[in-house]
Structures are given as C-alpha cells and as structure tokens.
Protein backbone atom coordinates (compact mmCIF):
# COMPACT_ATOMS: atom_id res chain seq x y z
CA MET A 1 -7.40 13.61 -13.79
CA ARG A 2 -5.20 11.89 -16.37
CA VAL A 3 -5.97 8.19 -16.69
CA LEU A 4 -3.90 5.68 -18.65
CA LEU A 5 -6.24 2.88 -19.73
CA VAL A 6 -4.46 -0.33 -20.79
CA GLU A 7 -6.98 -2.64 -22.49
CA ASP A 8 -6.43 -4.88 -25.54
CA ASP A 9 -10.15 -5.28 -26.31
CA PRO A 10 -10.86 -2.21 -28.49
CA VAL A 11 -14.63 -2.30 -27.89
CA LEU A 12 -14.35 -2.52 -24.10
CA GLY A 13 -11.44 -0.11 -24.05
CA ASP A 14 -13.31 2.53 -26.02
CA ALA A 15 -16.39 2.13 -23.82
CA LEU A 16 -14.31 2.60 -20.66
CA ARG A 17 -12.48 5.55 -22.20
CA ARG A 18 -15.76 7.28 -23.10
CA THR A 19 -17.09 6.66 -19.59
CA LEU A 20 -14.02 8.27 -18.04
CA VAL A 21 -14.23 11.27 -20.39
CA GLN A 22 -17.94 11.70 -19.65
CA HIS A 23 -17.06 11.96 -15.96
CA GLY A 24 -14.51 14.71 -16.53
CA HIS A 25 -11.27 12.73 -16.83
CA THR A 26 -8.64 12.73 -19.56
CA ALA A 27 -8.12 9.15 -20.75
CA GLU A 28 -5.43 7.71 -22.99
CA LEU A 29 -6.16 4.22 -24.34
CA VAL A 30 -3.35 1.79 -25.26
CA GLY A 31 -3.68 -1.87 -26.15
CA SER A 32 -0.42 -3.50 -25.09
CA GLY A 33 2.05 -3.75 -22.25
CA THR A 34 4.83 -2.21 -24.34
CA ALA A 35 2.66 0.80 -25.16
CA ALA A 36 1.69 1.13 -21.49
CA LEU A 37 5.31 1.29 -20.33
CA ALA A 38 6.10 3.83 -23.04
CA ALA A 39 3.13 5.98 -22.05
CA VAL A 40 4.14 6.02 -18.37
CA ALA A 41 7.71 6.93 -19.31
CA ARG A 42 6.51 9.68 -21.64
CA ALA A 43 4.11 11.44 -19.26
CA GLU A 44 3.22 9.88 -15.91
CA PRO A 45 -0.58 9.71 -15.51
CA ASP A 46 -2.52 10.21 -12.27
CA VAL A 47 -3.71 6.60 -12.29
CA VAL A 48 -3.25 3.47 -14.46
CA LEU A 49 -6.11 1.07 -15.22
CA LEU A 50 -4.22 -2.07 -16.21
CA ASP A 51 -5.79 -5.07 -17.94
CA MET A 52 -3.82 -8.08 -16.70
CA GLY A 53 -4.48 -10.14 -19.87
CA LEU A 54 -2.40 -8.38 -22.51
CA PRO A 55 -1.42 -9.75 -25.94
CA ASP A 56 2.30 -8.99 -25.85
CA ARG A 57 3.34 -8.99 -22.21
CA ASP A 58 2.26 -10.66 -19.00
CA GLY A 59 0.17 -8.17 -17.02
CA ILE A 60 1.92 -9.10 -13.77
CA GLY A 61 5.28 -8.26 -15.32
CA VAL A 62 3.99 -4.97 -16.72
CA CYS A 63 2.61 -4.05 -13.31
CA ARG A 64 5.98 -4.80 -11.68
CA GLU A 65 7.85 -2.70 -14.25
CA ILE A 66 5.53 0.27 -13.81
CA ARG A 67 5.91 0.03 -10.04
CA GLU A 68 9.71 -0.11 -10.33
CA ARG A 69 9.66 3.13 -12.33
CA SER A 70 6.86 5.03 -10.65
CA ARG A 71 4.60 5.36 -7.61
CA VAL A 72 1.55 6.04 -9.81
CA PRO A 73 -1.59 4.28 -8.44
CA ILE A 74 -2.38 1.10 -10.41
CA LEU A 75 -5.85 -0.41 -10.61
CA ALA A 76 -5.63 -3.94 -12.05
CA ILE A 77 -8.55 -5.21 -14.14
CA THR A 78 -8.94 -8.89 -14.94
CA GLY A 79 -11.39 -11.58 -15.96
CA ARG A 80 -10.07 -13.84 -13.19
CA GLY A 81 -11.72 -13.50 -9.80
CA GLU A 82 -9.85 -16.14 -7.84
CA VAL A 83 -8.21 -15.04 -4.59
CA ALA A 84 -4.81 -16.30 -5.80
CA ALA A 85 -5.02 -14.12 -8.92
CA ARG A 86 -5.96 -11.03 -6.90
CA VAL A 87 -3.18 -11.63 -4.40
CA GLN A 88 -0.63 -12.05 -7.19
CA GLY A 89 -1.73 -8.78 -8.76
CA LEU A 90 -1.53 -6.89 -5.47
CA ARG A 91 1.90 -8.32 -4.69
CA SER A 92 3.16 -7.26 -8.12
CA GLY A 93 2.46 -3.63 -7.22
CA ALA A 94 -1.23 -3.02 -7.95
CA ASP A 95 -3.08 -0.83 -5.45
CA ASP A 96 -6.49 -2.35 -6.06
CA TYR A 97 -8.26 -4.96 -8.16
CA LEU A 98 -11.41 -5.07 -10.30
CA VAL A 99 -12.94 -8.19 -11.88
CA LYS A 100 -14.72 -7.99 -15.25
CA PRO A 101 -17.44 -7.14 -16.08
CA VAL A 102 -16.74 -3.75 -14.54
CA SER A 103 -19.61 -1.50 -13.42
CA THR A 104 -19.22 2.23 -14.04
CA ASP A 105 -20.02 3.21 -10.46
CA GLU A 106 -17.52 0.77 -8.96
CA LEU A 107 -14.81 1.74 -11.45
CA LEU A 108 -15.13 5.43 -10.61
CA ALA A 109 -15.31 4.73 -6.86
CA ARG A 110 -12.20 2.53 -6.96
CA ILE A 111 -10.27 5.18 -8.90
CA GLU A 112 -11.19 7.78 -6.29
CA ALA A 113 -10.23 5.38 -3.50
CA VAL A 114 -6.74 4.56 -4.81
CA LEU A 115 -6.06 8.26 -5.38
CA ARG A 116 -7.11 9.09 -1.81
CA ARG A 117 -4.86 6.37 -0.44
CA SER A 118 -1.93 7.47 -2.61
CA THR A 119 -2.13 11.03 -1.27
CA GLY A 120 -2.66 9.82 2.29
CA GLY A 121 -5.78 11.83 2.99
CA SER A 122 -9.37 12.64 2.12
CA VAL A 123 -11.14 15.75 0.91
CA ALA A 124 -11.10 17.41 4.34
CA GLY A 125 -8.12 15.60 5.88
CA THR A 126 -10.11 14.70 9.01
CA VAL A 127 -13.20 12.63 9.72
CA THR A 128 -15.32 13.21 12.83
CA ILE A 129 -17.67 10.63 14.39
CA ALA A 130 -19.37 12.03 17.50
CA ASP A 131 -16.42 13.08 19.73
CA VAL A 132 -13.88 10.99 17.81
CA VAL A 133 -11.65 12.87 15.35
CA VAL A 134 -9.54 10.90 12.87
CA ASP A 135 -6.75 12.96 11.30
CA LEU A 136 -5.80 11.08 8.16
CA GLU A 137 -2.77 13.23 7.35
CA ARG A 138 -1.20 13.18 10.80
CA ARG A 139 -2.32 9.60 11.49
CA SER A 140 -3.75 10.56 14.85
CA VAL A 141 -7.02 9.84 16.67
CA VAL A 142 -8.57 11.93 19.42
CA ALA A 143 -11.58 10.67 21.42
CA GLY A 144 -13.30 12.92 23.95
CA GLY A 145 -10.36 15.32 23.80
CA ASP A 146 -7.75 12.64 24.57
CA GLU A 147 -5.35 11.18 22.02
CA VAL A 148 -5.80 7.44 21.47
CA ALA A 149 -2.69 5.30 20.90
CA LEU A 150 -3.33 2.92 18.02
CA THR A 151 -1.06 0.40 16.35
CA ARG A 152 -0.25 0.97 12.68
CA LYS A 153 -2.73 -1.67 11.52
CA GLU A 154 -5.45 -0.39 13.84
CA PHE A 155 -5.07 3.09 12.40
CA ASP A 156 -4.95 1.77 8.82
CA LEU A 157 -8.19 -0.12 9.47
CA LEU A 158 -9.89 2.93 10.97
CA ALA A 159 -8.61 5.18 8.17
CA THR A 160 -9.87 2.81 5.47
CA LEU A 161 -13.34 2.94 7.00
CA ALA A 162 -13.13 6.70 7.54
CA ARG A 163 -12.32 7.39 3.90
CA ARG A 164 -15.53 5.63 2.87
CA GLU A 165 -17.58 8.16 4.87
CA GLY A 166 -20.04 5.72 6.42
CA ALA A 167 -20.32 3.34 3.46
CA VAL A 168 -20.01 -0.39 4.17
CA VAL A 169 -16.58 -1.84 3.40
CA PRO A 170 -16.69 -5.60 2.74
CA ARG A 171 -14.38 -7.81 4.80
CA PRO A 172 -12.32 -8.99 1.76
CA GLU A 173 -11.68 -5.38 0.77
CA LEU A 174 -10.55 -4.45 4.27
CA LEU A 175 -8.16 -7.40 4.29
CA GLU A 176 -6.76 -6.35 0.92
CA GLN A 177 -6.36 -2.69 1.84
CA VAL A 178 -4.91 -3.13 5.34
CA TRP A 179 -3.08 -6.46 5.13
CA GLY A 180 -2.61 -6.85 1.35
CA ILE A 181 -4.47 -10.15 1.16
CA ALA A 182 -8.14 -11.13 0.87
CA ASP A 183 -7.75 -14.69 2.13
CA ALA A 184 -10.80 -15.70 4.19
CA SER A 185 -8.48 -17.46 6.64
CA ALA A 186 -7.30 -14.01 7.78
CA ALA A 187 -10.82 -13.02 8.87
CA ARG A 188 -9.97 -13.67 12.54
CA THR A 189 -7.13 -11.15 12.28
CA LEU A 190 -9.60 -8.53 11.07
CA GLU A 191 -12.08 -9.35 13.83
CA ALA A 192 -9.35 -9.13 16.49
CA HIS A 193 -8.25 -5.70 15.26
CA VAL A 194 -11.84 -4.45 15.17
CA ALA A 195 -12.33 -5.64 18.77
CA SER A 196 -9.10 -3.95 19.88
CA LEU A 197 -10.05 -0.74 18.08
CA ARG A 198 -13.46 -0.68 19.75
CA SER A 199 -11.86 -1.27 23.14
CA LYS A 200 -9.45 1.63 22.73
CA LEU A 201 -12.24 3.96 21.63
CA GLY A 202 -14.18 3.12 24.80
CA ALA A 203 -17.95 2.74 24.87
CA ARG A 204 -18.42 4.77 21.70
CA GLU A 205 -20.10 2.89 18.86
CA VAL A 206 -17.78 4.04 16.10
CA VAL A 207 -17.18 0.83 14.13
CA VAL A 208 -20.46 -0.82 13.15
CA THR A 209 -20.73 -4.47 12.07
CA VAL A 210 -22.89 -5.10 9.00
CA ARG A 211 -23.70 -8.77 9.45
CA GLY A 212 -22.56 -10.99 6.61
CA VAL A 213 -20.89 -8.11 4.72
CA GLY A 214 -18.30 -6.09 6.60
CA TYR A 215 -17.96 -2.92 8.63
CA ARG A 216 -18.73 0.80 8.41
CA LEU A 217 -18.25 3.89 10.54
CA ALA A 218 -21.24 5.36 12.38
CA CYS A 219 -20.90 8.66 10.53
C-alpha cells in the first residue's frame, strides 16, 4: 500500500514512516501542504495521513483541495482533540481522525478501516452472525433466510460494526462514521437506531451493548 505521510515534524514524520515501512507499506514523507498537493497530483497514493498543523498551509484547506481533486482516503492527524476540531476536519473531507500522540496499533487499524470503507467491503465481502448474513458489497441483510429491510443509516451502522469483526466500536466513533459527527448530544440518535436494528433482526442478539463504551457484533 502506498501511503503519503504529511508531517512537518521531521522526527515524528520519520518515526511514522519507518513504522509504516516495517509493516509492509510504501511511505512517502513530505513536510508541507504544498508538497502534499504536488505529491497527490504526481501519483495518487492509496491513503493520505495528513497533519492538520502545517507550516505553509492550513490543514483544513489542504484537506479540502485534496478532496476536490481526488477520492483518496484521508486520515487527519492533529494535536487538537476537541469535538469541534474533529468535526471541522471531517467536514473538510477527511475520512477519519487521529489525535496525537498516535499509537502504532491504532494508526495501522485506522488505515485499514478507511481503506475498507473506501472500497465498500471487507476481506470476504460478507459477515455472518448466527443466521444473519450481512453482505457489505450488495448492502443487503438476510436473517433466517429472509431479507431484512433496513434504512440507509441502519445498514451503515450494522456494516460499521460488521467490519470490525466483533471488536468494540466506541459510541463517538460510530457517530463519526455513520452520521459524520461525534457530538455527544447525538447519542440518542445512535441508541434509537440500535433499538430499531435489533427490532428488525428479531430476537437474535446480534448487536451487543458494551456498557460505558459502545457496541459490538456477537461474532
């Protein structure tokens, strides 16, 4: 996988680049917004890791320009963890958000996640939980042999959980991935969709609540 790493701190940038290379990726490191735009124009990468605090250009503006030119997945990296900053980054075209300091495991997992979402599927294309089959490519759900009619958001919620293969997905992440915002005030919307999803899937315990954290599939 070809990764474009945009980071103005040479020490951090080199450390992240070496981590990506050690895990089998090809990584190009640039230190400015201008260089990032030139690199994308020259040879579109598979994913962009974009530091939002750049010396020459505003990271939000760089993100918008990349998105105007390309559909390449963008993972924004910043030292600001406020909800408003994350929302602004997502609305400017970023697919996901990481707050410094960045752990290696989370970085690699987030890269894999944005790539899965950008291709609209997972490794196998379908996820099966008991007698429930989620087809991520066709956006269909079959339970007990019968197709289940879900709304777009209900399917997006189920698909986000399915792609994590039983791992817990925190509530803020679900809100970001499905609704594009991690505002805690939207928590009731998430809960309502989970309740509706459970109702449509019948008595099957497919979506599991992890108290105080989020939800996972009973894979």
